[in-house]
Protein backbone atom coordinates (compact mmCIF):
# COMPACT_ATOMS: atom_id res chain seq x y z
CA MET A 1 0.00 0.00 0.00
CA ALA A 2 1.31 3.45 -0.85
CA VAL A 3 2.31 5.69 2.00
CA GLN A 4 -0.05 8.63 2.28
CA TYR A 5 0.53 12.12 3.62
CA ALA A 6 -1.59 15.09 4.56
CA ARG A 7 -1.35 17.34 1.52
CA HIS A 8 -2.04 20.80 2.90
CA ALA A 9 -2.33 22.21 6.37
CA GLU A 10 -5.72 23.71 5.47
CA ASP A 11 -7.01 20.41 4.06
CA LEU A 12 -5.64 17.68 6.32
CA ASP A 13 -8.41 15.21 5.57
CA VAL A 14 -7.26 14.90 1.93
CA ALA A 15 -4.46 12.38 1.44
CA PHE A 16 -1.51 12.70 -0.90
CA ASP A 17 -0.46 9.46 -2.55
CA PRO A 18 3.14 9.69 -3.88
CA ALA A 19 2.52 6.82 -6.29
CA ARG A 20 -0.40 8.57 -8.02
CA PRO A 21 0.08 11.35 -10.61
CA TYR A 22 -0.31 14.68 -8.83
CA ASN A 23 -2.70 16.16 -11.38
CA ASP A 24 -4.36 18.23 -8.69
CA LEU A 25 -1.15 20.11 -7.95
CA PRO A 26 -2.59 23.46 -6.75
CA LEU A 27 -2.35 26.41 -9.09
CA LEU A 28 -0.42 29.54 -8.19
CA PRO A 29 -0.38 31.66 -6.17
CA PRO A 30 -0.34 29.36 -3.14
CA ALA A 31 -3.25 29.77 -0.74
CA VAL A 32 -0.93 30.72 2.14
CA GLU A 33 0.75 33.85 3.46
CA LEU A 34 3.93 34.24 1.41
CA GLU A 35 5.33 37.34 3.05
CA THR A 36 5.52 36.59 6.75
CA ARG A 37 7.74 38.68 9.01
CA ALA A 38 10.51 36.07 8.90
CA LEU A 39 10.36 35.82 5.11
CA LEU A 40 10.41 39.57 4.56
CA LYS A 41 13.40 39.91 6.90
CA GLN A 42 15.29 37.22 4.98
CA ALA A 43 14.27 38.72 1.62
CA ILE A 44 15.66 42.12 2.65
CA ALA A 45 19.02 40.56 3.57
CA ALA A 46 19.16 38.60 0.31
CA ARG A 47 18.26 41.66 -1.79
CA ALA A 48 20.97 43.72 -0.07
CA ASN A 49 23.63 41.18 -1.01
CA LEU A 50 22.30 40.94 -4.55
CA GLY A 51 22.41 44.71 -4.88
CA GLU A 52 26.01 44.79 -3.71
CA LEU A 53 26.91 42.01 -6.14
CA LYS A 54 25.20 43.81 -9.03
CA GLY A 55 27.24 46.95 -8.34
CA PHE A 56 30.51 45.22 -7.47
CA GLY A 57 30.49 43.16 -10.65
CA THR A 58 30.72 46.34 -12.70
CA LEU A 59 34.15 46.99 -11.16
CA LEU A 60 35.61 44.25 -13.34
CA PRO A 61 36.83 45.65 -16.67
CA ASP A 62 34.75 43.04 -18.47
CA GLN A 63 31.98 41.18 -16.65
CA ALA A 64 32.33 38.38 -19.16
CA ILE A 65 35.53 37.45 -17.32
CA LEU A 66 33.49 36.44 -14.28
CA THR A 67 30.48 35.21 -16.20
CA SER A 68 32.31 32.78 -18.46
CA ALA A 69 34.28 31.25 -15.60
CA LEU A 70 31.32 30.98 -13.21
CA LEU A 71 29.15 29.46 -15.93
CA LEU A 72 31.30 26.34 -15.74
CA MET A 73 31.19 26.27 -11.94
CA GLU A 74 27.40 26.42 -11.98
CA ALA A 75 27.17 23.85 -14.75
CA ARG A 76 29.38 21.45 -12.86
CA ALA A 77 27.53 21.85 -9.53
CA SER A 78 24.06 21.65 -11.06
CA SER A 79 25.01 18.52 -12.99
CA GLU A 80 26.54 16.94 -9.91
CA ILE A 81 23.19 17.28 -8.13
CA GLU A 82 21.94 14.89 -10.83
CA ASN A 83 24.95 12.59 -10.21
CA ILE A 84 26.74 13.75 -13.36
CA VAL A 85 30.19 14.10 -11.87
CA THR A 86 33.24 15.53 -13.61
CA THR A 87 36.35 17.50 -12.67
CA ASN A 88 37.43 21.04 -13.40
CA ASP A 89 40.37 19.70 -15.40
CA GLU A 90 38.08 17.62 -17.63
CA LEU A 91 35.91 20.66 -18.27
CA TYR A 92 38.68 23.13 -18.96
CA ARG A 93 40.51 20.75 -21.27
CA ALA A 94 37.43 20.20 -23.42
CA THR A 95 36.79 22.95 -25.94
CA GLY A 96 33.08 22.18 -26.12
CA PRO A 97 30.45 19.42 -25.95
CA ASP A 98 31.47 18.21 -29.42
CA ASP A 99 35.15 17.87 -28.52
CA PRO A 100 36.07 14.18 -29.05
CA ARG A 101 38.46 14.42 -26.09
CA ALA A 102 35.66 15.37 -23.68
CA THR A 103 34.28 12.70 -21.35
CA PRO A 104 30.53 12.00 -21.56
CA GLN A 105 30.09 13.75 -18.20
CA ALA A 106 32.05 16.80 -19.37
CA LYS A 107 29.94 16.98 -22.53
CA GLU A 108 26.75 17.09 -20.44
CA VAL A 109 28.15 19.82 -18.21
CA LEU A 110 29.29 21.86 -21.20
CA ARG A 111 25.84 21.56 -22.79
CA TYR A 112 24.40 22.91 -19.54
CA ARG A 113 26.74 25.91 -19.76
CA GLU A 114 25.64 26.59 -23.33
CA ALA A 115 21.97 26.22 -22.38
CA LEU A 116 22.38 28.76 -19.57
CA TRP A 117 24.17 31.25 -21.79
CA SER A 118 21.68 30.91 -24.65
CA GLY A 119 18.81 31.33 -22.18
CA PHE A 120 20.43 34.52 -20.88
CA GLN A 121 20.66 35.89 -24.41
CA GLU A 122 17.05 34.93 -25.12
CA ILE A 123 15.44 36.75 -22.19
CA ASP A 124 16.28 40.06 -23.86
CA ARG A 125 14.01 39.00 -26.70
CA ARG A 126 11.24 37.08 -24.97
CA PRO A 127 9.97 36.52 -21.42
CA LEU A 128 10.29 33.31 -19.41
CA CYS A 129 7.72 31.02 -20.96
CA THR A 130 7.00 27.39 -21.78
CA ASN A 131 8.66 27.54 -25.21
CA LEU A 132 11.83 28.95 -23.65
CA PHE A 133 11.77 26.15 -21.06
CA ILE A 134 11.60 23.64 -23.91
CA ASP A 135 14.52 25.29 -25.72
CA ILE A 136 16.62 25.21 -22.55
CA VAL A 137 16.04 21.54 -21.81
CA ALA A 138 16.73 20.67 -25.46
CA ALA A 139 20.08 22.46 -25.23
CA ILE A 140 20.90 20.64 -21.98
CA ARG A 141 20.12 17.24 -23.43
CA GLY A 142 21.43 17.87 -26.92
CA VAL A 143 18.25 16.58 -28.58
CA ASP A 144 14.86 18.02 -29.49
CA VAL A 145 12.39 17.33 -26.70
CA GLY A 146 8.89 18.38 -25.81
CA ILE A 147 6.46 18.26 -22.93
CA ARG A 148 6.02 14.80 -21.39
CA ARG A 149 3.29 12.83 -23.13
CA VAL A 150 3.65 9.30 -21.82
CA PRO A 151 2.87 8.16 -18.27
CA GLY A 152 5.26 6.38 -15.95
CA THR A 153 7.51 9.19 -14.71
CA HIS A 154 8.12 9.15 -10.98
CA ILE A 155 10.77 10.17 -8.47
CA ALA A 156 12.14 7.43 -6.24
CA ASN A 157 14.80 7.11 -3.56
CA SER A 158 17.85 4.85 -3.66
CA ARG A 159 15.74 1.94 -2.37
CA GLY A 160 13.31 2.27 -5.25
CA GLU A 161 10.50 3.71 -3.11
CA VAL A 162 8.35 6.17 -5.02
CA LEU A 163 8.48 9.59 -3.37
CA TYR A 164 6.56 11.61 -5.91
CA THR A 165 4.68 11.16 -9.17
CA PRO A 166 4.29 14.40 -11.16
CA PRO A 167 1.20 15.36 -13.14
CA GLU A 168 0.48 13.34 -16.28
CA GLY A 169 -1.03 14.31 -19.61
CA GLU A 170 0.36 16.96 -21.94
CA ARG A 171 -2.70 19.18 -21.62
CA VAL A 172 -2.58 19.06 -17.82
CA ILE A 173 1.14 19.86 -17.79
CA ARG A 174 0.80 22.73 -20.28
CA ASP A 175 -2.08 24.23 -18.28
CA LYS A 176 0.02 24.22 -15.14
CA LEU A 177 2.96 25.76 -16.98
CA ALA A 178 0.66 28.47 -18.35
CA ASN A 179 -0.45 29.20 -14.79
CA LEU A 180 3.22 29.40 -13.76
CA GLU A 181 3.87 31.93 -16.54
CA THR A 182 0.91 34.04 -15.41
CA PHE A 183 2.20 34.00 -11.84
CA LEU A 184 5.72 35.01 -12.87
CA HIS A 185 4.61 38.01 -14.92
CA ALA A 186 1.74 39.21 -12.72
CA GLU A 187 2.19 42.69 -11.25
CA ASP A 188 1.01 41.66 -7.81
CA GLY A 189 3.57 43.38 -5.59
CA LEU A 190 5.03 40.09 -4.38
CA ASP A 191 8.74 40.23 -3.62
CA PRO A 192 10.57 38.82 -6.66
CA LEU A 193 12.81 36.64 -4.48
CA VAL A 194 9.73 35.05 -2.95
CA LYS A 195 8.40 34.53 -6.47
CA LEU A 196 11.70 32.93 -7.41
CA ALA A 197 11.31 30.33 -4.66
CA VAL A 198 7.67 29.65 -5.54
CA MET A 199 8.59 29.33 -9.23
CA HIS A 200 11.33 26.81 -8.48
CA TYR A 201 9.08 24.58 -6.40
CA GLN A 202 6.23 24.71 -8.91
CA PHE A 203 8.44 23.96 -11.91
CA GLU A 204 9.99 20.96 -10.17
CA ALA A 205 6.56 19.75 -9.05
CA ILE A 206 5.16 20.01 -12.59
CA HIS A 207 8.26 18.15 -13.83
CA PRO A 208 7.33 18.81 -17.46
CA PHE A 209 10.09 16.80 -19.15
CA THR A 210 11.19 13.19 -19.08
CA ASP A 211 14.70 14.30 -18.07
CA GLY A 212 16.56 17.52 -17.33
CA ASN A 213 13.93 19.12 -15.08
CA GLY A 214 16.28 19.84 -12.18
CA ARG A 215 18.93 21.42 -14.37
CA THR A 216 16.36 23.45 -16.32
CA GLY A 217 14.79 24.67 -13.08
CA ARG A 218 18.13 25.82 -11.74
CA ILE A 219 18.87 27.73 -14.95
CA LEU A 220 15.50 29.44 -14.60
CA ASN A 221 16.55 30.70 -11.16
CA VAL A 222 19.32 32.93 -12.48
CA LEU A 223 17.40 33.92 -15.62
CA TYR A 224 14.53 35.12 -13.44
CA LEU A 225 16.88 37.26 -11.34
CA VAL A 226 18.23 38.87 -14.52
CA SER A 227 14.75 39.37 -15.98
CA CYS A 228 13.68 41.15 -12.77
CA GLY A 229 16.67 43.49 -12.92
CA LEU A 230 18.20 42.11 -9.72
CA LEU A 231 21.29 41.11 -11.71
CA GLU A 232 22.73 42.38 -14.97
CA GLN A 233 24.74 39.27 -15.75
CA PRO A 234 24.02 35.61 -14.85
CA VAL A 235 26.65 35.47 -12.10
CA LEU A 236 24.63 34.11 -9.16
CA TYR A 237 24.51 30.34 -9.22
CA LEU A 238 22.56 28.58 -6.49
CA SER A 239 23.57 25.06 -7.47
CA GLY A 240 26.69 25.10 -5.30
CA TYR A 241 24.58 25.93 -2.24
CA ILE A 242 21.97 23.33 -3.17
CA LEU A 243 24.69 20.72 -3.65
CA GLU A 244 26.09 21.41 -0.18
CA HIS A 245 22.61 21.32 1.39
CA ARG A 246 21.04 18.74 -0.90
CA SER A 247 19.19 16.72 1.76
CA GLU A 248 17.58 19.88 3.15
CA TYR A 249 16.67 20.98 -0.38
CA TYR A 250 14.75 17.79 -1.08
CA ARG A 251 13.25 17.68 2.41
CA CYS A 252 11.83 21.19 2.04
CA LEU A 253 10.47 20.47 -1.44
CA ARG A 254 8.69 17.36 -0.18
CA ARG A 255 7.21 19.17 2.80
CA VAL A 256 5.58 21.73 0.51
CA THR A 257 3.94 18.90 -1.43
CA GLU A 258 3.00 16.75 1.55
CA GLU A 259 2.19 19.38 4.20
CA GLY A 260 1.89 22.73 2.48
CA ALA A 261 4.97 23.89 4.46
CA TRP A 262 5.81 26.84 2.25
CA GLU A 263 7.62 29.00 4.79
CA ASP A 264 10.50 26.58 5.39
CA TRP A 265 11.01 26.19 1.65
CA LEU A 266 10.93 29.92 1.01
CA LEU A 267 13.40 30.56 3.83
CA TYR A 268 15.71 27.91 2.41
CA MET A 269 15.77 29.57 -1.01
CA LEU A 270 16.14 33.10 0.34
CA THR A 271 19.05 31.96 2.50
CA ALA A 272 20.58 30.31 -0.56
CA VAL A 273 20.38 33.60 -2.46
CA GLU A 274 21.88 35.58 0.42
CA GLU A 275 24.81 33.22 1.04
CA THR A 276 25.53 32.60 -2.64
CA ALA A 277 25.65 36.34 -3.30
CA LEU A 278 28.20 36.73 -0.49
CA ARG A 279 30.33 33.92 -1.91
CA THR A 280 30.17 35.42 -5.38
CA LEU A 281 31.21 38.82 -4.03
CA ALA A 282 34.26 37.16 -2.51
CA LYS A 283 35.09 35.54 -5.85
CA VAL A 284 34.75 38.87 -7.69
CA ALA A 285 37.18 40.43 -5.20
CA ALA A 286 39.61 37.52 -5.57
CA VAL A 287 39.51 37.67 -9.38
CA ARG A 288 40.15 41.43 -9.32
CA GLU A 289 43.11 40.90 -6.99
CA GLN A 290 44.65 38.30 -9.29
CA MET A 291 44.16 40.58 -12.31
CA GLU A 292 45.89 43.44 -10.51
CA ILE A 293 48.81 41.18 -9.54
CA ALA A 294 49.17 40.06 -13.16
CA GLN A 295 48.99 43.65 -14.43
CA ARG A 296 51.75 44.77 -12.08
CA LEU A 297 53.96 41.84 -13.05
CA VAL A 298 53.67 42.34 -16.78
CA ARG A 299 54.16 46.11 -16.52
CA GLN A 300 57.30 45.63 -14.43
CA GLU A 301 58.78 42.65 -16.26
CA ALA A 302 57.36 42.70 -19.80
CA GLN A 303 56.01 46.17 -20.53
CA GLY A 304 56.31 45.55 -24.27
CA ILE A 305 53.42 43.08 -24.36
CA TYR A 306 51.11 44.86 -21.90
CA SER A 307 47.59 45.67 -23.09
CA LYS A 308 44.15 45.74 -21.51
CA ASP A 309 42.88 43.27 -24.11
CA LEU A 310 45.64 40.78 -23.28
CA ILE A 311 44.94 40.93 -19.53
CA GLU A 312 41.24 40.33 -20.12
CA ALA A 313 41.89 37.52 -22.59
CA VAL A 314 44.06 35.50 -20.21
CA PHE A 315 41.55 35.92 -17.37
CA ARG A 316 38.47 34.89 -19.31
CA GLN A 317 39.01 31.18 -18.60
CA PRO A 318 41.26 29.41 -16.08
CA TYR A 319 42.82 27.44 -18.97
CA CYS A 320 44.12 29.10 -22.12
CA ARG A 321 45.14 27.58 -25.45
CA ILE A 322 47.39 29.09 -28.07
CA ARG A 323 44.57 28.97 -30.61
CA THR A 324 42.20 30.72 -28.19
CA LEU A 325 44.60 33.62 -27.75
CA GLU A 326 45.12 33.87 -31.52
CA GLU A 327 41.38 34.13 -32.12
CA THR A 328 40.63 36.43 -29.18
CA LEU A 329 43.38 38.97 -29.87
CA GLY A 330 43.69 38.53 -33.64
CA VAL A 331 47.44 37.80 -33.40
CA SER A 332 49.65 35.28 -35.18
CA HIS A 333 50.40 31.82 -33.85
CA ARG A 334 53.99 32.84 -33.05
CA THR A 335 52.88 35.97 -31.18
CA ALA A 336 50.35 34.00 -29.12
CA ILE A 337 53.06 31.51 -28.13
CA THR A 338 55.38 34.36 -27.15
CA TYR A 339 52.70 35.95 -24.95
CA LEU A 340 51.94 32.67 -23.18
CA GLN A 341 55.61 31.87 -22.66
CA ILE A 342 56.14 35.26 -21.04
CA TRP A 343 53.13 34.73 -18.76
CA THR A 344 54.57 31.34 -17.82
CA ARG A 345 58.00 32.83 -17.07
CA LEU A 346 56.33 35.41 -14.83
CA GLY A 347 54.66 32.62 -12.86
CA VAL A 348 51.09 33.54 -13.83
CA PHE A 349 50.66 30.38 -15.92
CA SER A 350 51.78 26.80 -15.56
CA VAL A 351 51.79 24.46 -18.56
CA VAL A 352 49.92 21.17 -18.87
CA ARG A 353 50.65 18.92 -21.83
CA MET A 354 47.67 17.17 -23.43
CA GLY A 355 48.89 15.09 -26.35
CA ARG A 356 50.28 17.51 -28.91
CA ASP A 357 48.42 20.41 -27.35
CA SER A 358 49.53 22.66 -24.49
CA LEU A 359 47.16 24.12 -21.92
CA TYR A 360 48.27 27.20 -20.03
CA VAL A 361 46.73 27.21 -16.56
CA ASN A 362 46.06 30.56 -14.90
CA ASP A 363 46.79 29.27 -11.39
CA GLY A 364 45.76 32.47 -9.62
CA LEU A 365 42.40 32.53 -11.37
CA VAL A 366 41.83 28.87 -10.50
CA ARG A 367 42.49 29.67 -6.82
CA ALA A 368 40.20 32.71 -6.95
CA LEU A 369 37.30 30.73 -8.41
CA THR A 370 37.62 27.57 -6.35
CA GLY A 371 38.80 28.99 -3.03
């Protein structure tokens, strides 16, 4: 017999059966108080840190320096939540998801990065909507996909026990996604960070795709922050926090479904935003420090090659290839080699051989991003 739970605090006589499709997933907004004193206090703290991050990020000469590097960190952490585990070295050594040298895990992570970046570019042209969700999950998975049509999807634990069965039927799923869109774009005065948390729960509960729902939902988090104007660039990635507090993440999600315990879930997400913003601020400061160290070194020891474009180019990714520098700066193969050899002599780079190719590792940038 399936274990049953009380579904909502206001409707305790109605049972929730995790083995039965949750087609009566309540529409948004939730029928509870979403802006309690505790939630508003936490939202204020989170917004303050986001505001500082938004302003501090502009102090970098090119925000793409931070964005491109953090994209990989988010992609790796979000994929690891789904047990797709790879290493930084595997990711940096692969040029892209089509690189034959990339491991299958690295290819998946790199597709995630591309999906996040393409989603960021798209929200300038269209709002968060079902079709954009479909495009994002297709980019993550590397194949064309659509809304789930066949039954049989469920979420189980390591022992095979069914914990949740999402709604079934394409029409049902699309209707719930349409309701989610309406909620996101409604001018209802609700704090956008509270909306972010509600959106994330509802998207995961709808579970509209056969695979890739968790990763798509986590991409939507940062896209929503950008679309609301709380960030200018997609540089706040909650996946690292979720990975560290994974058991609490799933516990809070389940309690919303089983008990209507929205406040704990909302506090979890607001805390995640606050702490992740603080961590990202620290990384911005560390990256700036490493750039300043490199600038001083090259001005003192190799003034002839110094340029703003060169500094930015070698700090855009922790690993640099000769070909990458050629293309970025528009210089010859010989000139690119000379630049990288000088950086290596100055101690900014170390060299890793990979077959016939050489990777130049920006050790200071690696420390700044992973410390």
